[in-house]
Amino acid sequence: MATGRAPFFEPEFEELLTTSLGSGRLRFSSDLAEAAGCQIHFVCVGTPQKRGEYAADLQYVEVAVEWALTPDSGHGLDYATSGTVAA
């Protein structure tokens, strides 16, 4: 998405994405140190289906949130999450 291309279709989303990236108000990174200076973090990690179950495997979400909420990390910021689960 950092290139302005979304891996999903949502009407008018790519235009909004491109505008937000161009303004500098939106950035994407997998570098946790780079994310530390931001005011709001969106936790966007995979939630594959658990093997042999009708449930999402939340291990990646749990690791990301655990890192974010570590008291000595100095982050103490707001986080937003969104996910999809296969039906």
C-alpha atoms as a PDB file:
ATOM      1  CA  MET A   1       0.000   0.000   0.000  1.00  0.00           C
ATOM      2  CA  ALA A   2       3.035   2.256   0.388  1.00  0.00           C
ATOM      3  CA  THR A   3       3.082   2.506  -3.409  1.00  0.00           C
ATOM      4  CA  GLY A   4      -0.512   3.729  -3.536  1.00  0.00           C
ATOM      5  CA  ARG A   5      -1.945   0.377  -4.653  1.00  0.00           C
ATOM      6  CA  ALA A   6      -4.344  -1.486  -2.395  1.00  0.00           C
ATOM      7  CA  PRO A   7      -4.532  -5.297  -2.377  1.00  0.00           C
ATOM      8  CA  PHE A   8      -8.335  -5.038  -2.298  1.00  0.00           C
ATOM      9  CA  PHE A   9     -11.056  -3.086  -4.060  1.00  0.00           C
ATOM     10  CA  GLU A  10     -12.920  -0.290  -2.352  1.00  0.00           C
ATOM     11  CA  PRO A  11     -14.479   2.469  -4.483  1.00  0.00           C
ATOM     12  CA  GLU A  12     -12.346   5.640  -4.453  1.00  0.00           C
ATOM     13  CA  PHE A  13      -9.919   4.158  -1.917  1.00  0.00           C
ATOM     14  CA  GLU A  14      -6.801   4.267  -4.106  1.00  0.00           C
ATOM     15  CA  GLU A  15      -7.351   7.979  -4.779  1.00  0.00           C
ATOM     16  CA  LEU A  16      -7.634   8.640  -1.034  1.00  0.00           C
ATOM     17  CA  LEU A  17      -4.588   6.456  -0.398  1.00  0.00           C
ATOM     18  CA  THR A  18      -2.494   8.292  -3.003  1.00  0.00           C
ATOM     19  CA  THR A  19      -3.549  11.701  -1.662  1.00  0.00           C
ATOM     20  CA  SER A  20      -2.762  10.708   1.939  1.00  0.00           C
ATOM     21  CA  LEU A  21       0.620   9.247   1.020  1.00  0.00           C
ATOM     22  CA  GLY A  22       1.491  12.332  -1.031  1.00  0.00           C
ATOM     23  CA  SER A  23       0.662  14.669   1.850  1.00  0.00           C
ATOM     24  CA  GLY A  24       2.987  12.779   4.188  1.00  0.00           C
ATOM     25  CA  ARG A  25       0.194  12.173   6.696  1.00  0.00           C
ATOM     26  CA  LEU A  26       0.159   8.431   6.019  1.00  0.00           C
ATOM     27  CA  ARG A  27       3.121   6.061   5.919  1.00  0.00           C
ATOM     28  CA  PHE A  28       3.566   2.315   5.953  1.00  0.00           C
ATOM     29  CA  SER A  29       6.506   0.526   7.503  1.00  0.00           C
ATOM     30  CA  SER A  30       7.441  -2.845   8.912  1.00  0.00           C
ATOM     31  CA  ASP A  31      10.277  -1.210  10.896  1.00  0.00           C
ATOM     32  CA  LEU A  32       9.057  -1.037  14.482  1.00  0.00           C
ATOM     33  CA  ALA A  33      11.639   1.610  15.419  1.00  0.00           C
ATOM     34  CA  GLU A  34      10.300   3.875  12.658  1.00  0.00           C
ATOM     35  CA  ALA A  35       6.767   3.423  13.934  1.00  0.00           C
ATOM     36  CA  ALA A  36       7.703   4.623  17.437  1.00  0.00           C
ATOM     37  CA  GLY A  37       7.460   8.302  16.466  1.00  0.00           C
ATOM     38  CA  CYS A  38       3.882   8.107  15.191  1.00  0.00           C
ATOM     39  CA  GLN A  39       0.769   9.244  17.039  1.00  0.00           C
ATOM     40  CA  ILE A  40      -1.534   6.448  15.888  1.00  0.00           C
ATOM     41  CA  HIS A  41      -0.589   2.958  14.796  1.00  0.00           C
ATOM     42  CA  PHE A  42      -2.720   0.652  12.697  1.00  0.00           C
ATOM     43  CA  VAL A  43      -1.853  -2.951  13.440  1.00  0.00           C
ATOM     44  CA  CYS A  44      -2.103  -4.704  10.086  1.00  0.00           C
ATOM     45  CA  VAL A  45      -0.954  -8.277  10.300  1.00  0.00           C
ATOM     46  CA  GLY A  46      -2.123 -11.547   8.863  1.00  0.00           C
ATOM     47  CA  THR A  47      -4.926 -13.450  10.515  1.00  0.00           C
ATOM     48  CA  PRO A  48      -4.974 -16.768   8.675  1.00  0.00           C
ATOM     49  CA  GLN A  49      -7.509 -19.397   9.576  1.00  0.00           C
ATOM     50  CA  LYS A  50      -6.360 -21.896  12.200  1.00  0.00           C
ATOM     51  CA  ARG A  51      -5.576 -25.222  10.622  1.00  0.00           C
ATOM     52  CA  GLY A  52      -8.559 -27.546  10.958  1.00  0.00           C
ATOM     53  CA  GLU A  53     -10.702 -24.968  12.786  1.00  0.00           C
ATOM     54  CA  TYR A  54     -13.227 -22.268  11.985  1.00  0.00           C
ATOM     55  CA  ALA A  55     -11.267 -19.627  13.869  1.00  0.00           C
ATOM     56  CA  ALA A  56      -8.660 -16.997  13.077  1.00  0.00           C
ATOM     57  CA  ASP A  57      -5.037 -17.550  14.097  1.00  0.00           C
ATOM     58  CA  LEU A  58      -4.351 -14.381  16.086  1.00  0.00           C
ATOM     59  CA  GLN A  59      -0.702 -15.069  16.920  1.00  0.00           C
ATOM     60  CA  TYR A  60       0.569 -12.228  14.722  1.00  0.00           C
ATOM     61  CA  VAL A  61      -1.889  -9.739  16.195  1.00  0.00           C
ATOM     62  CA  GLU A  62      -0.926 -10.798  19.721  1.00  0.00           C
ATOM     63  CA  VAL A  63       2.815 -10.331  19.063  1.00  0.00           C
ATOM     64  CA  ALA A  64       2.305  -6.891  17.495  1.00  0.00           C
ATOM     65  CA  VAL A  65       0.076  -5.645  20.303  1.00  0.00           C
ATOM     66  CA  GLU A  66       2.346  -7.131  22.986  1.00  0.00           C
ATOM     67  CA  TRP A  67       5.280  -5.214  21.492  1.00  0.00           C
ATOM     68  CA  ALA A  68       3.244  -2.033  21.284  1.00  0.00           C
ATOM     69  CA  LEU A  69       2.067  -2.206  24.891  1.00  0.00           C
ATOM     70  CA  THR A  70       5.390  -3.105  26.481  1.00  0.00           C
ATOM     71  CA  PRO A  71       5.758  -0.580  29.339  1.00  0.00           C
ATOM     72  CA  ASP A  72       9.447   0.154  28.694  1.00  0.00           C
ATOM     73  CA  SER A  73       8.943   0.608  24.948  1.00  0.00           C
ATOM     74  CA  GLY A  74       8.020   4.257  25.452  1.00  0.00           C
ATOM     75  CA  HIS A  75       5.249   3.960  22.890  1.00  0.00           C
ATOM     76  CA  GLY A  76       2.137   4.613  24.982  1.00  0.00           C
ATOM     77  CA  LEU A  77       0.216   5.621  21.866  1.00  0.00           C
ATOM     78  CA  ASP A  78      -3.166   4.905  20.345  1.00  0.00           C
ATOM     79  CA  TYR A  79      -3.636   1.779  18.254  1.00  0.00           C
ATOM     80  CA  ALA A  80      -6.310   0.799  15.802  1.00  0.00           C
ATOM     81  CA  THR A  81      -6.858  -2.672  14.459  1.00  0.00           C
ATOM     82  CA  SER A  82      -8.994  -4.108  11.727  1.00  0.00           C
ATOM     83  CA  GLY A  83      -9.252  -7.615  10.512  1.00  0.00           C
ATOM     84  CA  THR A  84     -11.120 -10.007   8.345  1.00  0.00           C
ATOM     85  CA  VAL A  85     -11.961 -13.584   9.084  1.00  0.00           C
ATOM     86  CA  ALA A  86     -12.794 -16.113   6.416  1.00  0.00           C
ATOM     87  CA  ALA A  87     -16.383 -17.313   6.571  1.00  0.00           C
END
